Protein backbone atom coordinates (compact mmCIF):
# COMPACT_ATOMS: atom_id res chain seq x y z
CA UNK A 1 -18.68 -26.84 4.89
CA UNK A 2 -19.20 -30.41 6.02
CA UNK A 3 -17.27 -31.98 8.87
CA UNK A 4 -14.32 -34.02 7.66
CA UNK A 5 -13.93 -37.77 7.88
CA UNK A 6 -12.58 -39.12 11.20
CA UNK A 7 -9.20 -40.06 9.73
CA UNK A 8 -8.69 -36.48 8.46
CA UNK A 9 -9.27 -34.62 11.69
CA UNK A 10 -8.46 -37.33 14.22
CA UNK A 11 -11.91 -37.43 15.81
CA UNK A 12 -13.84 -40.61 16.28
CA UNK A 13 -17.06 -41.19 14.35
CA UNK A 14 -19.95 -40.85 16.77
CA UNK A 15 -22.47 -41.88 14.17
CA UNK A 16 -24.23 -38.54 14.36
CA UNK A 17 -25.48 -36.85 11.22
CA UNK A 18 -22.89 -34.34 9.99
CA UNK A 19 -24.00 -30.75 10.27
CA UNK A 20 -23.25 -28.27 7.50
CA UNK A 21 -21.81 -24.80 7.21
CA UNK A 22 -22.17 -22.57 4.17
CA UNK A 23 -20.30 -19.39 3.25
CA UNK A 24 -22.37 -17.20 0.94
CA UNK A 25 -20.53 -14.18 -0.46
CA UNK A 26 -23.13 -11.41 -0.24
CA UNK A 27 -20.72 -8.54 -0.98
CA UNK A 28 -17.31 -8.66 -2.67
CA UNK A 29 -15.00 -10.19 -0.09
CA UNK A 30 -17.71 -10.50 2.58
CA UNK A 31 -19.55 -13.75 3.26
CA UNK A 32 -22.46 -14.67 5.52
CA UNK A 33 -21.65 -17.74 7.59
CA UNK A 34 -24.57 -20.14 7.98
CA UNK A 35 -24.85 -23.20 10.22
CA UNK A 36 -22.06 -24.59 12.38
CA UNK A 37 -18.91 -22.46 12.68
CA UNK A 38 -15.64 -24.42 12.87
CA UNK A 39 -13.50 -23.43 15.83
CA UNK A 40 -10.76 -22.27 13.46
CA UNK A 41 -13.05 -19.60 11.96
CA UNK A 42 -14.57 -18.30 15.18
CA UNK A 43 -11.81 -15.78 16.05
CA UNK A 44 -12.38 -14.00 12.73
CA UNK A 45 -16.18 -14.11 12.79
CA UNK A 46 -17.86 -10.68 12.70
CA UNK A 47 -21.19 -10.43 14.50
CA UNK A 48 -24.20 -8.93 12.73
CA UNK A 49 -24.13 -5.99 15.12
CA UNK A 50 -26.54 -3.29 13.96
CA UNK A 51 -28.02 -5.34 11.09
CA UNK A 52 -31.75 -5.54 12.02
CA UNK A 53 -33.21 -8.96 12.84
CA UNK A 54 -35.78 -8.60 10.05
CA UNK A 55 -32.99 -8.15 7.50
CA UNK A 56 -31.19 -11.23 8.77
CA UNK A 57 -34.34 -13.29 8.33
CA UNK A 58 -34.88 -12.00 4.81
CA UNK A 59 -31.26 -12.68 3.83
CA UNK A 60 -31.59 -16.23 5.20
CA UNK A 61 -34.62 -16.84 2.99
CA UNK A 62 -32.84 -15.59 -0.13
CA UNK A 63 -29.77 -17.72 0.57
CA UNK A 64 -31.90 -20.80 1.04
CA UNK A 65 -33.03 -20.42 -2.57
CA UNK A 66 -29.47 -21.00 -3.77
CA UNK A 67 -29.42 -24.75 -3.04
CA UNK A 68 -31.50 -27.36 -4.80
CA UNK A 69 -34.69 -28.65 -3.21
CA UNK A 70 -33.11 -31.84 -1.85
CA UNK A 71 -30.27 -30.15 -0.03
CA UNK A 72 -32.35 -27.25 1.27
CA UNK A 73 -34.72 -29.73 2.84
CA UNK A 74 -31.84 -31.44 4.67
CA UNK A 75 -28.73 -30.28 6.50
CA UNK A 76 -28.11 -27.32 4.23
CA UNK A 77 -31.63 -26.12 4.82
CA UNK A 78 -30.91 -26.06 8.54
CA UNK A 79 -27.64 -24.24 7.88
CA UNK A 80 -29.28 -21.49 5.83
CA UNK A 81 -31.85 -21.02 8.57
CA UNK A 82 -29.11 -20.26 11.10
CA UNK A 83 -27.03 -17.20 10.23
CA UNK A 84 -24.00 -17.04 12.49
CA UNK A 85 -22.16 -13.92 11.42
CA UNK A 86 -19.99 -12.38 8.75
CA UNK A 87 -16.60 -13.44 7.45
CA UNK A 88 -13.97 -11.55 5.42
CA UNK A 89 -12.68 -13.67 2.54
CA UNK A 90 -8.90 -13.40 2.37
CA UNK A 91 -7.14 -11.46 -0.37
CA UNK A 92 -5.36 -14.60 -1.58
CA UNK A 93 -8.59 -16.55 -2.02
CA UNK A 94 -10.23 -13.59 -3.78
CA UNK A 95 -7.29 -13.21 -6.13
CA UNK A 96 -7.34 -16.90 -7.05
CA UNK A 97 -11.06 -16.89 -7.77
CA UNK A 98 -10.82 -13.68 -9.82
CA UNK A 99 -7.96 -15.12 -11.86
CA UNK A 100 -10.10 -18.04 -13.01
CA UNK A 101 -9.58 -20.62 -10.28
CA UNK A 102 -12.69 -22.74 -9.75
CA UNK A 103 -14.09 -25.04 -7.09
CA UNK A 104 -15.88 -28.32 -7.61
CA UNK A 105 -19.69 -28.02 -7.73
CA UNK A 106 -22.03 -29.95 -5.45
CA UNK A 107 -25.60 -29.32 -4.29
CA UNK A 108 -25.74 -25.87 -5.87
CA UNK A 109 -22.52 -24.65 -4.25
CA UNK A 110 -18.77 -24.89 -4.76
CA UNK A 111 -16.59 -27.16 -2.65
CA UNK A 112 -13.41 -25.92 -1.01
CA UNK A 113 -11.56 -26.84 2.18
CA UNK A 114 -10.71 -25.37 5.58
CA UNK A 115 -7.18 -26.40 6.48
CA UNK A 116 -4.65 -26.17 9.25
CA UNK A 117 -1.02 -27.17 8.65
CA UNK A 118 -0.92 -30.81 7.67
CA UNK A 119 -4.61 -31.65 7.61
CA UNK A 120 -8.03 -30.77 6.24
CA UNK A 121 -10.65 -29.95 8.85
CA UNK A 122 -13.73 -29.26 6.77
CA UNK A 123 -14.92 -29.29 3.22
CA UNK A 124 -16.56 -26.02 2.25
CA UNK A 125 -19.65 -25.04 0.31
CA UNK A 126 -19.10 -21.59 -1.06
CA UNK A 127 -21.60 -19.43 -2.96
CA UNK A 128 -20.05 -16.48 -4.81
CA UNK A 129 -21.47 -12.97 -4.88
CA UNK A 130 -22.55 -13.60 -8.49
CA UNK A 131 -24.69 -16.54 -7.44
CA UNK A 132 -26.31 -14.50 -4.67
CA UNK A 133 -27.03 -11.56 -6.96
CA UNK A 134 -28.78 -13.85 -9.46
CA UNK A 135 -31.23 -15.15 -6.86
CA UNK A 136 -34.79 -14.21 -7.83
CA UNK A 137 -35.44 -12.13 -4.73
CA UNK A 138 -31.93 -10.70 -4.33
CA UNK A 139 -33.07 -7.14 -5.07
CA UNK A 140 -35.25 -7.21 -1.98
CA UNK A 141 -32.24 -7.58 0.34
CA UNK A 142 -30.33 -4.58 -1.07
CA UNK A 143 -30.97 -2.40 2.02
CA UNK A 144 -30.05 -5.34 4.26
CA UNK A 145 -26.76 -5.79 2.42
CA UNK A 146 -26.12 -2.07 2.87
CA UNK A 147 -26.44 -2.61 6.61
CA UNK A 148 -24.00 -5.55 6.39
CA UNK A 149 -21.50 -3.32 4.56
CA UNK A 150 -21.74 -0.69 7.31
CA UNK A 151 -21.30 -3.32 10.02
CA UNK A 152 -18.18 -4.71 8.34
CA UNK A 153 -16.70 -1.20 8.07
CA UNK A 154 -17.50 -0.50 11.72
CA UNK A 155 -15.97 -3.81 12.81
CA UNK A 156 -12.81 -3.18 10.79
CA UNK A 157 -12.10 0.30 12.10
CA UNK A 158 -13.01 -0.71 15.68
CA UNK A 159 -10.40 -3.46 15.52
CA UNK A 160 -7.77 -1.01 14.28
CA UNK A 161 -8.57 1.43 17.09
CA UNK A 162 -8.19 -1.33 19.69
CA UNK A 163 -4.87 -2.33 18.13
CA UNK A 164 -3.44 1.17 18.51
CA UNK A 165 -4.40 1.96 22.10
CA UNK A 166 -0.80 1.55 23.27
CA UNK A 167 0.38 4.25 20.86
CA UNK A 168 -2.15 6.71 22.23
CA UNK A 169 -1.13 6.22 25.84
CA UNK A 170 2.51 6.81 24.89
CA UNK A 171 2.15 9.98 22.84
CA UNK A 172 -0.87 11.72 24.39
CA UNK A 173 1.22 13.66 26.90
CA UNK A 174 3.31 15.10 24.07
CA UNK A 175 0.33 16.24 22.01
CA UNK A 176 -2.18 17.71 24.42
CA UNK A 177 -4.96 16.35 26.61
CA UNK A 178 -7.62 18.86 25.54
CA UNK A 179 -7.69 17.61 21.94
CA UNK A 180 -7.80 14.05 23.14
CA UNK A 181 -10.61 14.69 25.65
CA UNK A 182 -12.81 16.33 23.00
CA UNK A 183 -12.36 13.46 20.57
CA UNK A 184 -12.79 10.64 23.08
CA UNK A 185 -15.93 12.28 24.43
CA UNK A 186 -17.52 12.21 20.99
CA UNK A 187 -16.38 8.63 20.38
CA UNK A 188 -17.88 7.45 23.66
CA UNK A 189 -21.14 9.26 22.86
CA UNK A 190 -21.48 7.08 19.73
CA UNK A 191 -20.04 3.83 21.08
CA UNK A 192 -22.70 3.49 23.76
CA UNK A 193 -25.72 3.82 21.41
CA UNK A 194 -24.08 1.44 18.91
CA UNK A 195 -23.65 -1.18 21.63
CA UNK A 196 -27.25 -0.67 22.77
CA UNK A 197 -28.54 -0.96 19.19
CA UNK A 198 -26.57 -4.18 18.78
CA UNK A 199 -28.11 -5.57 21.96
CA UNK A 200 -31.73 -4.88 20.99
CA UNK A 201 -31.13 -5.40 17.23
CA UNK A 202 -32.90 -2.15 16.45
CA UNK A 203 -32.55 1.66 16.55
CA UNK A 204 -35.64 3.04 18.30
CA UNK A 205 -36.58 6.72 18.11
CA UNK A 206 -35.37 7.58 21.60
CA UNK A 207 -31.92 6.07 20.94
CA UNK A 208 -31.55 7.94 17.66
CA UNK A 209 -32.56 11.24 19.24
CA UNK A 210 -29.64 10.91 21.68
CA UNK A 211 -27.10 11.00 18.83
CA UNK A 212 -28.93 12.83 16.03
CA UNK A 213 -27.22 16.15 16.81
CA UNK A 214 -23.67 14.71 16.73
CA UNK A 215 -23.27 14.63 12.96
CA UNK A 216 -21.72 18.09 12.51
CA UNK A 217 -19.28 17.66 15.40
CA UNK A 218 -18.17 14.26 14.12
CA UNK A 219 -17.70 15.62 10.62
CA UNK A 220 -15.57 18.44 12.04
CA UNK A 221 -13.31 15.99 13.90
CA UNK A 222 -13.02 13.76 10.86
CA UNK A 223 -12.06 16.66 8.60
CA UNK A 224 -9.61 18.01 11.20
CA UNK A 225 -7.60 14.82 11.45
CA UNK A 226 -7.94 13.98 7.77
CA UNK A 227 -6.34 17.38 7.19
CA UNK A 228 -3.51 16.61 9.62
CA UNK A 229 -2.87 13.20 8.09
CA UNK A 230 -3.11 14.61 4.56
CA UNK A 231 -0.54 17.30 5.42
CA UNK A 232 1.85 14.66 6.76
CA UNK A 233 1.45 12.57 3.60
CA UNK A 234 2.08 15.60 1.34
CA UNK A 235 5.22 16.56 3.26
CA UNK A 236 6.58 13.02 3.02
CA UNK A 237 5.77 12.69 -0.69
CA UNK A 238 7.37 16.04 -1.58
CA UNK A 239 10.56 15.57 0.42
CA UNK A 240 13.86 14.28 -0.93
CA UNK A 241 15.47 11.31 0.81
CA UNK A 242 17.20 13.32 3.56
CA UNK A 243 14.23 15.62 4.23
CA UNK A 244 11.93 12.59 4.19
CA UNK A 245 13.88 10.96 7.03
CA UNK A 246 14.15 14.21 8.99
CA UNK A 247 10.44 14.95 8.75
CA UNK A 248 9.43 11.48 9.91
CA UNK A 249 11.87 11.56 12.82
CA UNK A 250 11.01 15.08 13.96
CA UNK A 251 7.25 14.53 13.76
CA UNK A 252 7.08 10.85 14.76
CA UNK A 253 4.90 11.33 17.84
CA UNK A 254 2.54 13.80 16.15
CA UNK A 255 2.16 11.42 13.19
CA UNK A 256 1.32 8.50 15.49
CA UNK A 257 -1.25 10.58 17.35
CA UNK A 258 -2.89 12.02 14.23
CA UNK A 259 -3.15 8.56 12.66
CA UNK A 260 -4.83 7.16 15.75
CA UNK A 261 -7.07 10.21 16.12
CA UNK A 262 -8.24 9.84 12.50
CA UNK A 263 -9.06 6.17 13.06
CA UNK A 264 -10.99 7.06 16.24
CA UNK A 265 -12.89 9.84 14.47
CA UNK A 266 -13.57 7.49 11.54
CA UNK A 267 -14.89 4.84 13.92
CA UNK A 268 -17.33 7.26 15.58
CA UNK A 269 -18.35 8.77 12.24
CA UNK A 270 -19.01 5.31 10.76
CA UNK A 271 -20.98 4.28 13.85
CA UNK A 272 -23.10 7.42 13.59
CA UNK A 273 -23.94 6.76 9.94
CA UNK A 274 -24.62 3.09 10.69
CA UNK A 275 -27.23 4.17 13.26
CA UNK A 276 -28.60 6.69 10.77
CA UNK A 277 -28.89 4.03 8.08
CA UNK A 278 -30.51 1.58 10.49
CA UNK A 279 -33.08 4.22 11.36
CA UNK A 280 -33.82 4.80 7.66
CA UNK A 281 -33.95 1.03 7.14
CA UNK A 282 -36.61 0.65 9.81
CA UNK A 283 -38.70 3.38 8.22
CA UNK A 284 -38.10 1.76 4.84
CA UNK A 285 -40.37 -1.16 5.61
CA UNK A 286 -43.25 1.17 4.90
CA UNK A 287 -41.51 3.74 2.69
CA UNK A 288 -39.44 2.57 -0.29
CA UNK A 289 -37.60 5.91 -0.45
CA UNK A 290 -36.31 5.43 3.11
CA UNK A 291 -35.02 1.96 2.19
CA UNK A 292 -33.21 3.43 -0.80
CA UNK A 293 -31.82 6.18 1.41
CA UNK A 294 -30.22 3.55 3.64
CA UNK A 295 -28.32 2.24 0.60
CA UNK A 296 -27.20 5.76 -0.33
CA UNK A 297 -25.88 6.30 3.21
CA UNK A 298 -23.89 3.05 3.01
CA UNK A 299 -22.46 3.98 -0.39
CA UNK A 300 -21.34 7.47 0.67
CA UNK A 301 -19.94 6.17 3.95
CA UNK A 302 -17.88 3.59 2.05
CA UNK A 303 -16.32 6.32 -0.11
CA UNK A 304 -15.24 8.41 2.88
CA UNK A 305 -14.17 5.31 4.80
CA UNK A 306 -11.91 3.98 2.04
CA UNK A 307 -10.26 7.36 1.46
CA UNK A 308 -9.51 7.96 5.15
CA UNK A 309 -8.23 4.43 5.67
CA UNK A 310 -5.95 4.66 2.61
CA UNK A 311 -4.39 7.90 3.87
CA UNK A 312 -3.88 6.46 7.34
CA UNK A 313 -2.35 3.30 5.92
CA UNK A 314 0.10 5.29 3.80
CA UNK A 315 1.15 7.49 6.72
CA UNK A 316 1.53 4.70 9.28
CA UNK A 317 3.46 2.63 6.74
CA UNK A 318 5.93 5.48 6.11
CA UNK A 319 6.46 6.11 9.83
CA UNK A 320 6.85 2.44 10.67
CA UNK A 321 9.35 1.89 7.87
CA UNK A 322 11.42 4.81 9.16
CA UNK A 323 11.34 3.55 12.75
CA UNK A 324 12.30 0.06 11.58
CA UNK A 325 15.22 1.49 9.62
CA UNK A 326 16.38 3.34 12.74
CA UNK A 327 16.29 0.03 14.61
CA UNK A 328 18.56 -1.53 11.95
CA UNK A 329 21.18 1.25 11.88
CA UNK A 330 24.12 0.63 14.20
CA UNK A 331 25.74 3.86 13.10
CA UNK A 332 22.93 6.26 14.03
CA UNK A 333 23.46 7.38 17.62
CA UNK A 334 21.07 10.32 17.79
CA UNK A 335 17.47 10.84 16.82
CA UNK A 336 15.93 14.35 16.73
CA UNK A 337 12.55 13.53 18.25
CA UNK A 338 10.29 16.31 19.65
CA UNK A 339 11.83 18.31 22.48
CA UNK A 340 15.30 18.06 20.87
CA UNK A 341 16.48 15.54 23.43
CA UNK A 342 20.23 15.64 23.88
CA UNK A 343 20.43 12.23 25.44
CA UNK A 344 20.89 9.97 22.41
CA UNK A 345 20.26 6.83 24.43
CA UNK A 346 16.92 8.18 25.64
CA UNK A 347 16.06 9.20 22.07
CA UNK A 348 16.72 5.71 20.75
CA UNK A 349 14.68 4.19 23.58
CA UNK A 350 11.79 6.53 22.73
CA UNK A 351 12.00 5.46 19.12
CA UNK A 352 12.01 1.79 20.12
CA UNK A 353 8.96 2.24 22.35
CA UNK A 354 7.07 4.08 19.62
CA UNK A 355 7.92 1.36 17.11
CA UNK A 356 6.76 -1.32 19.53
CA UNK A 357 3.50 0.55 20.03
CA UNK A 358 2.72 1.31 16.39
CA UNK A 359 3.88 -1.97 14.82
CA UNK A 360 0.65 -3.89 15.57
CA UNK A 361 -1.39 -1.18 13.82
CA UNK A 362 0.97 -1.14 10.83
CA UNK A 363 0.76 -4.92 10.53
CA UNK A 364 -3.05 -4.81 10.79
CA UNK A 365 -3.30 -2.16 8.05
CA UNK A 366 -0.86 -3.86 5.70
CA UNK A 367 0.80 -7.27 5.60
CA UNK A 368 4.39 -6.94 6.90
CA UNK A 369 7.13 -6.91 4.29
CA UNK A 370 8.94 -10.28 4.25
CA UNK A 371 12.74 -10.36 4.73
CA UNK A 372 14.79 -9.77 1.59
CA UNK A 373 16.88 -12.54 0.08
CA UNK A 374 20.12 -11.81 -1.74
CA UNK A 375 19.47 -11.37 -5.47
CA UNK A 376 20.96 -13.69 -8.08
CA UNK A 377 23.30 -10.97 -9.35
CA UNK A 378 25.82 -9.62 -6.82
CA UNK A 379 28.82 -7.68 -8.15
CA UNK A 380 31.53 -7.48 -5.50
CA UNK A 381 35.23 -8.36 -5.38
CA UNK A 382 34.72 -11.01 -2.70
CA UNK A 383 31.80 -12.40 -0.70
CA UNK A 384 30.57 -9.38 1.29
CA UNK A 385 28.19 -9.63 4.22
CA UNK A 386 24.95 -8.56 2.55
CA UNK A 387 22.75 -8.86 5.63
CA UNK A 388 23.16 -5.24 6.90
CA UNK A 389 22.28 -3.89 3.44
CA UNK A 390 19.30 -6.21 3.02
CA UNK A 391 17.92 -5.31 6.46
CA UNK A 392 17.74 -1.63 5.47
CA UNK A 393 16.63 -2.21 1.89
CA UNK A 394 13.74 -4.32 3.17
CA UNK A 395 12.10 -1.18 4.54
CA UNK A 396 13.14 1.14 1.71
CA UNK A 397 11.55 -0.92 -1.04
CA UNK A 398 7.87 -0.45 -1.79
CA UNK A 399 5.20 -3.15 -1.59
CA UNK A 400 5.70 -5.66 -4.37
CA UNK A 401 9.06 -4.20 -5.43
CA UNK A 402 11.64 -6.87 -6.34
CA UNK A 403 15.38 -6.56 -5.71
CA UNK A 404 17.21 -7.89 -8.80
CA UNK A 405 20.84 -6.74 -8.48
CA UNK A 406 23.31 -5.56 -5.84
CA UNK A 407 26.61 -4.02 -6.88
CA UNK A 408 29.55 -2.47 -5.01
CA UNK A 409 31.51 -0.44 -7.58
CA UNK A 410 33.29 2.90 -7.42
CA UNK A 411 31.19 5.68 -8.94
CA UNK A 412 32.81 8.61 -10.70
CA UNK A 413 31.05 11.79 -9.64
CA UNK A 414 32.31 14.23 -12.27
CA UNK A 415 32.32 12.73 -15.76
CA UNK A 416 31.85 15.78 -17.93
CA UNK A 417 30.17 15.41 -21.34
CA UNK A 418 29.15 12.16 -22.93
CA UNK A 419 32.41 12.06 -24.89
CA UNK A 420 34.28 11.67 -21.60
CA UNK A 421 32.44 8.40 -21.07
CA UNK A 422 32.83 6.85 -24.48
CA UNK A 423 36.02 8.30 -25.92
CA UNK A 424 38.24 5.78 -24.19
CA UNK A 425 40.80 8.47 -23.43
CA UNK A 426 42.85 6.94 -20.66
CA UNK A 427 44.09 10.18 -19.19
CA UNK A 428 40.61 11.67 -18.81
CA UNK A 429 39.29 8.51 -17.25
CA UNK A 430 42.16 8.22 -14.77
CA UNK A 431 41.89 11.88 -13.77
CA UNK A 432 38.18 11.59 -13.11
CA UNK A 433 38.65 8.40 -11.12
CA UNK A 434 41.35 9.88 -8.93
CA UNK A 435 39.22 12.96 -8.37
CA UNK A 436 35.99 11.40 -7.23
CA UNK A 437 36.05 7.61 -6.88
CA UNK A 438 34.02 6.35 -3.90
CA UNK A 439 32.77 2.92 -2.85
CA UNK A 440 29.14 2.82 -3.88
CA UNK A 441 26.11 0.63 -3.28
CA UNK A 442 23.93 0.10 -6.35
CA UNK A 443 20.61 -1.68 -5.85
CA UNK A 444 18.57 -2.35 -8.97
CA UNK A 445 14.93 -3.32 -8.60
CA UNK A 446 12.16 -3.88 -11.10
CA UNK A 447 11.18 -0.22 -10.62
CA UNK A 448 14.27 1.89 -9.98
CA UNK A 449 18.02 2.20 -9.47
CA UNK A 450 19.10 3.16 -5.95
CA UNK A 451 22.64 4.41 -5.40
CA UNK A 452 24.31 5.36 -2.14
CA UNK A 453 27.70 5.69 -0.55
CA UNK A 454 28.06 2.34 1.18
CA UNK A 455 29.20 3.75 4.52
CA UNK A 456 26.52 6.46 4.68
CA UNK A 457 23.88 3.91 3.73
CA UNK A 458 24.76 1.64 6.66
CA UNK A 459 25.12 4.51 9.12
CA UNK A 460 22.28 6.82 8.08
CA UNK A 461 20.28 4.96 5.37
CA UNK A 462 21.18 7.89 3.11
CA UNK A 463 20.39 7.47 -0.58
CA UNK A 464 22.45 9.28 -3.17
CA UNK A 465 20.13 8.84 -6.17
CA UNK A 466 16.78 7.19 -6.87
CA UNK A 467 16.40 6.77 -10.63
CA UNK A 468 13.18 5.32 -12.12
CA UNK A 469 13.99 2.38 -14.34
CA UNK A 470 12.07 3.93 -17.25
CA UNK A 471 14.67 6.74 -17.40
CA UNK A 472 17.38 4.35 -18.63
CA UNK A 473 18.47 5.36 -22.14
CA UNK A 474 21.71 3.46 -22.85
CA UNK A 475 23.89 0.87 -21.07
CA UNK A 476 27.13 -0.87 -21.90
CA UNK A 477 29.74 -2.97 -20.08
CA UNK A 478 33.37 -2.32 -21.07
CA UNK A 479 36.88 -3.18 -19.94
CA UNK A 480 39.02 -0.19 -18.97
CA UNK A 481 42.37 0.57 -20.60
CA UNK A 482 44.25 0.08 -17.36
CA UNK A 483 46.74 -2.75 -16.90
CA UNK A 484 44.32 -4.48 -14.53
CA UNK A 485 41.55 -4.16 -17.14
CA UNK A 486 38.82 -3.49 -14.62
CA UNK A 487 35.21 -3.85 -15.76
CA UNK A 488 33.07 -0.73 -16.02
CA UNK A 489 29.39 -0.13 -16.71
CA UNK A 490 28.36 3.09 -18.44
CA UNK A 491 24.79 4.28 -17.90
CA UNK A 492 23.05 7.16 -19.63
CA UNK A 493 19.73 8.16 -18.10
CA UNK A 494 17.39 10.96 -19.03
CA UNK A 495 19.27 13.37 -16.77
CA UNK A 496 22.65 11.81 -15.90
CA UNK A 497 25.78 10.13 -17.28
CA UNK A 498 27.19 7.58 -14.82
CA UNK A 499 30.21 5.27 -14.88
CA UNK A 500 30.55 2.48 -12.33
CA UNK A 501 34.02 0.99 -12.05
CA UNK A 502 34.19 -2.50 -10.54
CA UNK A 503 37.13 -3.85 -8.59
CA UNK A 504 39.46 -6.28 -10.32
CA UNK A 505 38.27 -9.22 -8.24
CA UNK A 506 34.65 -8.87 -9.40
CA UNK A 507 33.49 -11.74 -11.62
CA UNK A 508 33.07 -10.39 -15.15
CA UNK A 509 30.00 -12.51 -15.86
CA UNK A 510 28.25 -10.89 -12.90
CA UNK A 511 29.11 -7.44 -14.26
CA UNK A 512 27.69 -8.48 -17.61
CA UNK A 513 24.53 -9.65 -15.85
CA UNK A 514 24.41 -6.31 -13.98
CA UNK A 515 24.48 -4.46 -17.30
CA UNK A 516 22.02 -6.87 -18.89
CA UNK A 517 19.38 -6.18 -16.23
CA UNK A 518 19.69 -2.46 -16.90
CA UNK A 519 19.68 -3.03 -20.65
CA UNK A 520 16.22 -4.57 -20.42
CA UNK A 521 14.89 -1.05 -19.84
CA UNK A 522 16.85 0.77 -22.57
CA UNK A 523 14.45 2.92 -24.57
CA UNK A 524 14.01 6.44 -25.89
CA UNK A 525 10.42 7.62 -25.45
CA UNK A 526 8.77 8.99 -28.57
CA UNK A 527 8.28 12.36 -26.91
CA UNK A 528 12.03 12.76 -26.27
CA UNK A 529 12.91 11.59 -29.80
CA UNK A 530 10.40 14.03 -31.29
CA UNK A 531 11.78 16.88 -29.19
CA UNK A 532 15.33 16.20 -30.37
CA UNK A 533 14.21 16.03 -34.01
CA UNK A 534 12.28 19.28 -33.65
CA UNK A 535 15.44 20.94 -32.31
CA UNK A 536 17.29 19.77 -35.44
CA UNK A 537 14.64 21.19 -37.77
CA UNK A 538 14.52 24.42 -35.80
CA UNK A 539 18.31 24.77 -36.08
CA UNK A 540 18.20 24.19 -39.85
CA UNK A 541 15.45 26.78 -40.30
CA UNK A 542 17.38 29.26 -38.17
CA UNK A 543 20.52 28.75 -40.32
CA UNK A 544 18.51 29.26 -43.55
CA UNK A 545 16.96 32.44 -42.21
CA UNK A 546 20.38 33.75 -41.18
CA UNK A 547 21.85 32.99 -44.64
CA UNK A 548 18.92 34.76 -46.32
CA UNK A 549 19.38 37.81 -44.13
CA UNK A 550 23.12 37.95 -44.81
CA UNK A 551 22.57 37.64 -48.59
CA UNK A 552 20.00 40.42 -48.72
CA UNK A 553 22.34 42.69 -46.81
CA UNK A 554 25.05 42.37 -49.52
CA UNK A 555 22.78 43.03 -52.57
CA UNK A 556 22.80 46.82 -53.57
CA UNK A 557 19.51 48.68 -53.76
CA UNK A 558 18.22 50.19 -57.07
CA UNK A 559 19.42 53.73 -56.21
CA UNK A 560 22.86 52.49 -55.24
CA UNK A 561 23.17 50.58 -58.52
CA UNK A 562 22.17 53.66 -60.63
CA UNK A 563 24.65 55.89 -58.84
CA UNK A 564 27.37 53.37 -59.41
CA UNK A 565 26.57 53.29 -63.19
CA UNK A 566 26.70 57.11 -63.48
CA UNK A 567 30.16 57.16 -62.06
């Protein structure tokens, strides 16, 4: 990364020789920053922490071999000699590079740019992980890279724990101080040695002996809270829509505490194994097996780390979505939080405080869902206010799910057999409509069909049905036989027959578009077709067997025939 020209960043040219900064991706998504660090990158810079000084020096030497002789001898050579820290490469940049995007090549590296809105601050030299792995001596820094991986994990979980401190202070009184004291004591017992190891850039024997006996206790705490979090996730995944909401509301404080406790246990557990690996790394300078052991520790720690973080992310995301939905519901006046508070105002305030406390953690674990825009297809008799529906749907939709259609028909609840849908018998249709017509919200996404009674959806976020889009079997749009000739859409799914009846003022082209979106998914899976065909063959075979049995029963036996002849 070279400093930009004066006209690009507004600084005057002092005539000094431009210094250089290089980002070398040493692990997927993790780069070593060499040379000068632009001010814009400093807040996100991760220090080397427990990575031993000897490993840093060796990594610097390997990186220096990436540039050509001319550049290594100049400014880039100085940059490689000065390792500043570690940097996480953003998901967007990684995705672009993986999809085939390329950077211009210069002096053995790729050129990119560091930008702020409206201007370019620096041009970047970037070396990918592939380039680093091809360096002649790259194998020699494997244990050092293992230490970098552990430091990045430790930095990530430490940041998450700091983010969620407010949640802990709020819910600790409701959960129990004894559990909290035991966990925080263990965390502190690891934090201090990690800080000391960072300061001296080494893990001496006396420091390791202070924490060596903590492994079993840390594993116990990690398994305890992984179990709690796993139980929460299973309950949420198994529940229907109503039970899902009730579980999250009733257990909101316990969920927040268990999520934070798991992150704290994971932080201490990762710190312990980082110290353990650093100790093996030090011994590995004279024993190759110890150096290899350090890499094994990093690998196994990564597996446990990723699994625990994924479970925590899922749980916190579910809780935060529920709390955000509560905040958007003007019709929900009570919230059954722990203690069965009767004061609805106090309950809502508790919910708001918990949301305020846990939101930063949720946003750190996963990028916040952007606001929903109205889809292109909206089937309604007039121009309804879609904002209240979109505010709730924003938190009901999954990551990456796209809202394609909104409709506000009447749904007939009791349609009887398929013939009642397609026969066109006016009297049956009218009777069913009078019996069970209700104003319905239908939201069609690229993954599913969500239906709800419009009023209950706005008041309680209650969902009537959640139908995967791959269960659509047949769709058609028809005009009813009424005088008003209202438009209707008939839907057959794997398990249901549904008719949506749209109000007379609804634009027919929008109804057609509604049906067309559903029709994109019309299909009969081979397994279902085969099952139906097998039923047909089975029925035919059963009929043949029955006919054979009946025929044999009417034919006289030999004795009966002889007796009949004698008569």
